[in-house]
C-alpha atoms as a PDB file:
ATOM      1  CA  MET A   1      40.505   4.186 -24.131  1.00  0.00           C
ATOM      2  CA  LYS A   2      40.051   1.582 -21.112  1.00  0.00           C
ATOM      3  CA  LEU A   3      39.810   4.039 -18.508  1.00  0.00           C
ATOM      4  CA  LEU A   4      36.751   5.702 -20.412  1.00  0.00           C
ATOM      5  CA  PHE A   5      35.006   2.243 -20.770  1.00  0.00           C
ATOM      6  CA  ALA A   6      35.490   1.462 -16.931  1.00  0.00           C
ATOM      7  CA  ALA A   7      34.538   4.755 -15.788  1.00  0.00           C
ATOM      8  CA  SER A   8      31.511   4.515 -17.897  1.00  0.00           C
ATOM      9  CA  ALA A   9      30.662   0.552 -16.474  1.00  0.00           C
ATOM     10  CA  LEU A  10      31.188   2.169 -12.779  1.00  0.00           C
ATOM     11  CA  ALA A  11      28.808   5.156 -13.707  1.00  0.00           C
ATOM     12  CA  LEU A  12      25.993   2.689 -15.270  1.00  0.00           C
ATOM     13  CA  SER A  13      26.490   0.691 -11.845  1.00  0.00           C
ATOM     14  CA  LEU A  14      25.707   3.414  -9.592  1.00  0.00           C
ATOM     15  CA  ILE A  15      23.043   4.524 -11.656  1.00  0.00           C
ATOM     16  CA  ALA A  16      21.382   0.785 -11.489  1.00  0.00           C
ATOM     17  CA  SER A  17      22.103   0.655  -7.813  1.00  0.00           C
ATOM     18  CA  LEU A  18      20.060   4.036  -6.722  1.00  0.00           C
ATOM     19  CA  PRO A  19      16.809   3.386  -5.172  1.00  0.00           C
ATOM     20  CA  THR A  20      13.595   4.193  -6.512  1.00  0.00           C
ATOM     21  CA  THR A  21      11.006   6.994  -5.840  1.00  0.00           C
ATOM     22  CA  ALA A  22       8.629   4.658  -4.701  1.00  0.00           C
ATOM     23  CA  ALA A  23       8.445   3.871  -0.843  1.00  0.00           C
ATOM     24  CA  GLU A  24       9.345   0.379  -0.389  1.00  0.00           C
ATOM     25  CA  TYR A  25       9.137  -1.570   3.213  1.00  0.00           C
ATOM     26  CA  ARG A  26       9.790  -5.393   3.487  1.00  0.00           C
ATOM     27  CA  VAL A  27       8.274  -7.727   6.452  1.00  0.00           C
ATOM     28  CA  GLY A  28      10.188 -11.016   5.915  1.00  0.00           C
ATOM     29  CA  ASP A  29      10.224 -11.887   2.224  1.00  0.00           C
ATOM     30  CA  ILE A  30       6.931  -9.771   1.440  1.00  0.00           C
ATOM     31  CA  THR A  31       7.140  -6.271   0.164  1.00  0.00           C
ATOM     32  CA  ILE A  32       4.659  -3.578   0.604  1.00  0.00           C
ATOM     33  CA  THR A  33       5.176  -0.790  -1.796  1.00  0.00           C
ATOM     34  CA  ASN A  34       3.898   2.962  -2.298  1.00  0.00           C
ATOM     35  CA  PRO A  35       1.046   3.046   0.862  1.00  0.00           C
ATOM     36  CA  TRP A  36      -1.112   6.412   0.229  1.00  0.00           C
ATOM     37  CA  ALA A  37      -4.222   7.622   1.402  1.00  0.00           C
ATOM     38  CA  ARG A  38      -6.650  10.647   0.178  1.00  0.00           C
ATOM     39  CA  ALA A  39      -6.987  13.773   1.586  1.00  0.00           C
ATOM     40  CA  THR A  40     -10.341  14.192   3.356  1.00  0.00           C
ATOM     41  CA  PRO A  41     -12.152  17.812   3.405  1.00  0.00           C
ATOM     42  CA  GLY A  42     -13.926  19.423   6.395  1.00  0.00           C
ATOM     43  CA  ARG A  43     -14.799  16.619   9.797  1.00  0.00           C
ATOM     44  CA  PRO A  44     -14.546  13.693   8.202  1.00  0.00           C
ATOM     45  CA  ARG A  45     -15.590  10.401   9.750  1.00  0.00           C
ATOM     46  CA  ASN A  46     -13.694   7.979   8.106  1.00  0.00           C
ATOM     47  CA  GLY A  47     -10.308   7.469   5.509  1.00  0.00           C
ATOM     48  CA  GLY A  48      -8.755   4.759   3.535  1.00  0.00           C
ATOM     49  CA  ALA A  49      -5.137   3.815   2.785  1.00  0.00           C
ATOM     50  CA  TYR A  50      -3.705   1.917  -0.305  1.00  0.00           C
ATOM     51  CA  LEU A  51      -0.982   0.541  -1.097  1.00  0.00           C
ATOM     52  CA  MET A  52       0.804  -2.382  -2.952  1.00  0.00           C
ATOM     53  CA  ILE A  53       1.849  -5.926  -1.317  1.00  0.00           C
ATOM     54  CA  THR A  54       4.224  -8.463  -3.314  1.00  0.00           C
ATOM     55  CA  GLY A  55       3.721 -11.928  -1.811  1.00  0.00           C
ATOM     56  CA  GLY A  56       7.073 -13.791  -0.376  1.00  0.00           C
ATOM     57  CA  ALA A  57       8.097 -17.592  -1.030  1.00  0.00           C
ATOM     58  CA  ALA A  58       5.158 -18.644   1.316  1.00  0.00           C
ATOM     59  CA  ASP A  59       1.265 -17.941   1.244  1.00  0.00           C
ATOM     60  CA  ASP A  60       0.535 -15.176   4.225  1.00  0.00           C
ATOM     61  CA  GLN A  61      -2.420 -13.335   5.217  1.00  0.00           C
ATOM     62  CA  ILE A  62      -2.906 -10.229   6.477  1.00  0.00           C
ATOM     63  CA  THR A  63      -4.546 -10.308   9.639  1.00  0.00           C
ATOM     64  CA  GLY A  64      -5.193  -6.897  10.910  1.00  0.00           C
ATOM     65  CA  ALA A  65      -4.164  -2.839  10.887  1.00  0.00           C
ATOM     66  CA  ASP A  66      -3.856  -0.162  13.167  1.00  0.00           C
ATOM     67  CA  THR A  67      -2.773   3.411  13.135  1.00  0.00           C
ATOM     68  CA  PRO A  68      -2.727   6.737  15.131  1.00  0.00           C
ATOM     69  CA  VAL A  69      -5.253   8.404  12.683  1.00  0.00           C
ATOM     70  CA  SER A  70      -8.604   6.594  13.877  1.00  0.00           C
ATOM     71  CA  LYS A  71      -9.966   4.306  15.955  1.00  0.00           C
ATOM     72  CA  LYS A  72     -10.222   1.777  14.257  1.00  0.00           C
ATOM     73  CA  ALA A  73      -8.418   0.386  10.884  1.00  0.00           C
ATOM     74  CA  ALA A  74      -9.931  -2.608   9.026  1.00  0.00           C
ATOM     75  CA  ILE A  75      -9.241  -4.195   5.538  1.00  0.00           C
ATOM     76  CA  HIS A  76     -12.767  -3.556   3.529  1.00  0.00           C
ATOM     77  CA  GLY A  77     -13.694  -4.915  -0.285  1.00  0.00           C
ATOM     78  CA  HIS A  78     -16.694  -4.051  -2.352  1.00  0.00           C
ATOM     79  CA  SER A  79     -19.681  -6.550  -3.497  1.00  0.00           C
ATOM     80  CA  HIS A  80     -21.985  -6.339  -5.694  1.00  0.00           C
ATOM     81  CA  GLU A  81     -25.328  -7.020  -3.824  1.00  0.00           C
ATOM     82  CA  ASN A  82     -29.077  -7.046  -6.024  1.00  0.00           C
ATOM     83  CA  GLY A  83     -27.156  -4.507  -8.219  1.00  0.00           C
ATOM     84  CA  VAL A  84     -25.465  -2.579  -5.199  1.00  0.00           C
ATOM     85  CA  MET A  85     -22.068  -1.784  -4.362  1.00  0.00           C
ATOM     86  CA  LYS A  86     -21.631  -2.613  -0.713  1.00  0.00           C
ATOM     87  CA  MET A  87     -18.810  -2.335   1.595  1.00  0.00           C
ATOM     88  CA  ARG A  88     -17.713  -5.469   3.585  1.00  0.00           C
ATOM     89  CA  GLU A  89     -14.632  -6.011   6.242  1.00  0.00           C
ATOM     90  CA  VAL A  90     -12.465  -8.684   5.180  1.00  0.00           C
ATOM     91  CA  ARG A  91     -11.435 -10.327   8.526  1.00  0.00           C
ATOM     92  CA  ASN A  92      -8.072 -11.956   6.852  1.00  0.00           C
ATOM     93  CA  LEU A  93      -6.529 -11.083   3.763  1.00  0.00           C
ATOM     94  CA  GLU A  94      -5.099 -14.048   1.810  1.00  0.00           C
ATOM     95  CA  VAL A  95      -1.486 -12.741   0.277  1.00  0.00           C
ATOM     96  CA  PRO A  96      -0.619 -15.562  -2.317  1.00  0.00           C
ATOM     97  CA  ALA A  97       3.087 -16.425  -2.475  1.00  0.00           C
ATOM     98  CA  GLY A  98       4.647 -14.515  -5.573  1.00  0.00           C
ATOM     99  CA  GLU A  99       1.744 -12.709  -6.336  1.00  0.00           C
ATOM    100  CA  VAL A 100       1.204  -8.986  -6.228  1.00  0.00           C
ATOM    101  CA  MET A 101      -2.042  -7.186  -4.921  1.00  0.00           C
ATOM    102  CA  MET A 102      -3.374  -4.084  -4.906  1.00  0.00           C
ATOM    103  CA  LEU A 103      -5.181  -1.893  -2.316  1.00  0.00           C
ATOM    104  CA  LYS A 104      -6.860   0.628  -4.257  1.00  0.00           C
ATOM    105  CA  PRO A 105     -10.272   3.149  -4.482  1.00  0.00           C
ATOM    106  CA  GLY A 106     -12.489   0.786  -5.576  1.00  0.00           C
ATOM    107  CA  GLY A 107     -11.142  -2.362  -4.612  1.00  0.00           C
ATOM    108  CA  LEU A 108      -9.373  -3.825  -1.693  1.00  0.00           C
ATOM    109  CA  HIS A 109      -8.403  -0.967   1.068  1.00  0.00           C
ATOM    110  CA  ILE A 110      -7.799  -0.696   4.505  1.00  0.00           C
ATOM    111  CA  MET A 111     -10.549   1.540   6.002  1.00  0.00           C
ATOM    112  CA  LEU A 112      -9.604   4.041   8.615  1.00  0.00           C
ATOM    113  CA  ILE A 113     -12.470   4.112  10.669  1.00  0.00           C
ATOM    114  CA  LYS A 114     -13.378   7.214  13.244  1.00  0.00           C
ATOM    115  CA  LEU A 115     -10.607   9.586  12.146  1.00  0.00           C
ATOM    116  CA  LYS A 116      -9.040  11.650  14.713  1.00  0.00           C
ATOM    117  CA  HIS A 117      -8.518  14.626  12.213  1.00  0.00           C
ATOM    118  CA  ALA A 118      -8.422  15.559   8.684  1.00  0.00           C
ATOM    119  CA  LEU A 119      -5.909  14.123   6.481  1.00  0.00           C
ATOM    120  CA  LYS A 120      -4.232  16.894   5.159  1.00  0.00           C
ATOM    121  CA  LYS A 121      -2.381  16.521   1.433  1.00  0.00           C
ATOM    122  CA  GLY A 122       1.436  16.138   1.606  1.00  0.00           C
ATOM    123  CA  ASP A 123       1.054  15.173   5.665  1.00  0.00           C
ATOM    124  CA  SER A 124       2.004  11.345   6.487  1.00  0.00           C
ATOM    125  CA  PHE A 125       0.508   9.157   9.053  1.00  0.00           C
ATOM    126  CA  PRO A 126       2.177   5.407  10.486  1.00  0.00           C
ATOM    127  CA  LEU A 127      -0.234   2.377   9.758  1.00  0.00           C
ATOM    128  CA  THR A 128       0.974  -1.017  10.743  1.00  0.00           C
ATOM    129  CA  LEU A 129      -0.027  -4.172   9.083  1.00  0.00           C
ATOM    130  CA  HIS A 130       0.035  -7.238  10.807  1.00  0.00           C
ATOM    131  CA  PHE A 131       0.837 -10.713   9.089  1.00  0.00           C
ATOM    132  CA  ALA A 132       0.037 -14.164  10.572  1.00  0.00           C
ATOM    133  CA  LYS A 133       3.651 -15.535   9.665  1.00  0.00           C
ATOM    134  CA  ALA A 134       5.977 -12.872   8.657  1.00  0.00           C
ATOM    135  CA  GLY A 135       4.861 -10.485  11.700  1.00  0.00           C
ATOM    136  CA  ASP A 136       4.169  -6.809  11.677  1.00  0.00           C
ATOM    137  CA  VAL A 137       5.721  -4.048   9.690  1.00  0.00           C
ATOM    138  CA  THR A 138       4.901  -0.432  10.460  1.00  0.00           C
ATOM    139  CA  VAL A 139       4.389   1.741   6.796  1.00  0.00           C
ATOM    140  CA  GLU A 140       4.300   5.831   6.436  1.00  0.00           C
ATOM    141  CA  VAL A 141       1.769   6.665   4.427  1.00  0.00           C
ATOM    142  CA  GLN A 142       1.828   9.467   2.233  1.00  0.00           C
ATOM    143  CA  ILE A 143      -1.588  11.563   1.713  1.00  0.00           C
ATOM    144  CA  MET A 144      -2.370  12.745  -1.584  1.00  0.00           C
ATOM    145  CA  GLY A 145      -4.990  15.122  -3.453  1.00  0.00           C
ATOM    146  CA  VAL A 146      -9.051  14.557  -2.319  1.00  0.00           C
ATOM    147  CA  GLY A 147      -9.830  12.767  -5.498  1.00  0.00           C
ATOM    148  CA  ALA A 148      -6.249  11.262  -6.045  1.00  0.00           C
ATOM    149  CA  MET A 149      -6.677   7.433  -8.142  1.00  0.00           C
ATOM    150  CA  LYS A 150      -3.022   6.354  -7.338  1.00  0.00           C
ATOM    151  CA  ALA A 151       0.110   7.452  -5.465  1.00  0.00           C
ATOM    152  CA  GLY A 152       2.537   9.824  -6.409  1.00  0.00           C
ATOM    153  CA  HIS A 153       5.306   7.190  -7.312  1.00  0.00           C
ATOM    154  CA  GLY A 154       3.527   4.668  -9.708  1.00  0.00           C
ATOM    155  CA  ASP A 155       0.531   3.487 -11.059  1.00  0.00           C
ATOM    156  CA  HIS A 156      -1.936   1.750  -8.759  1.00  0.00           C
ATOM    157  CA  GLY A 157      -3.675   0.405 -11.588  1.00  0.00           C
ATOM    158  CA  GLY A 158      -6.052  -2.690 -12.003  1.00  0.00           C
ATOM    159  CA  HIS A 159      -7.874  -4.703  -9.616  1.00  0.00           C
ATOM    160  CA  GLY A 160      -6.830  -7.692  -7.192  1.00  0.00           C
ATOM    161  CA  LYS A 161      -4.091  -9.595  -8.067  1.00  0.00           C
ATOM    162  CA  MET A 162      -1.216 -10.122 -10.629  1.00  0.00           C
ATOM    163  CA  LYS A 163       1.365 -12.946 -10.771  1.00  0.00           C
ATOM    164  CA  LYS A 164       5.213 -11.628 -10.634  1.00  0.00           C
ATOM    165  CA  HIS A 165       7.275 -11.539 -13.162  1.00  0.00           C
END
């Protein structure tokens, strides 16, 4: 009986330590999860990349991004002006300590400007994020379907920031 209990405890601890299916990257104590993009049909000019950022112990900010798939990568957000939705570049994106930020369609995102080629579902590409304090991190962006609203690994619902639990 003790052997069975010990074997069960060992099995449970091994299962608990298995990695999740979510792609996760760290720079300092900041975590980037599930970087993804939508496929782009035809000869696209622009695209978008999305991800989740969990702030570390201290405030930081993203000061830029770059990728070999586009001429420029920039952080963009949306605003309402006179009843019209407009996209605007965000120079430095604040990453508050201990908060979760969603970069997703219809909200903050990384705009891929002047794509060098179409983004094909199932492919991936590198994207480097530049943080003011934590430094640089390169993530692998998975390309989902044309109309995708979330990564294949988990829900990216909600806009803006949420407190980490």
